[in-house]
Amino acid sequence: MKKNGDMPLELTYKAMEHGPVPMEIYNNRDNSSFFSKVIFEPSQTKNGKSMYLIKPNGTFDPDYFATAELEEMNNLIDMFAQQWVGATEISEASHQNIKAWEKTYSRQPNANIDPIEEFDRDITAVPEDALHTEELKYLMRRKIAKLVV
């Protein structure tokens, strides 16, 4: 979020108990016709809790992603695709640095996450010449989104 100035994949995320959840995906997990490249297979954890296994249904198309996005995916694979890394470690590591999720969840669980919460200060009140690159990127994207609508 902070690096690109927007939510990953430009989806709407809610601050749920175990981390940010992309609602466009979550709300359609039982709709098999909504996704062409993945299958959501109902399953259960060892202690009986319901969950979904996400399985590929096709081949990966790198042309859909920018070079920077592909590099980020490779970094994540290098970090997490190790035999000793389990789901618990991945979940903890992938959520520990998401301030926007933490702030939103502590204030109101299941509320929409605003990426502006990722910043440590109120960037809307900071003079433009005192903003950091990530802050400027975020504010520019936000202004452009308002113009488009």
Foldseek 3Di string as FASTA:
>chain_A
DLVQLADVVNAWWFLADLGTDRCVCVVCLVPQVVDQFWHWDWDADPVGHIDTDIGTRDDDDCVVDDPVVVVVVVVVCVVAVDPPHDPVNCSCVVHVLQQQSVVRCVVPHGHIGDSCSSDPDNLVPDPPVPDDPSSVSNVVVVVVVVVVD
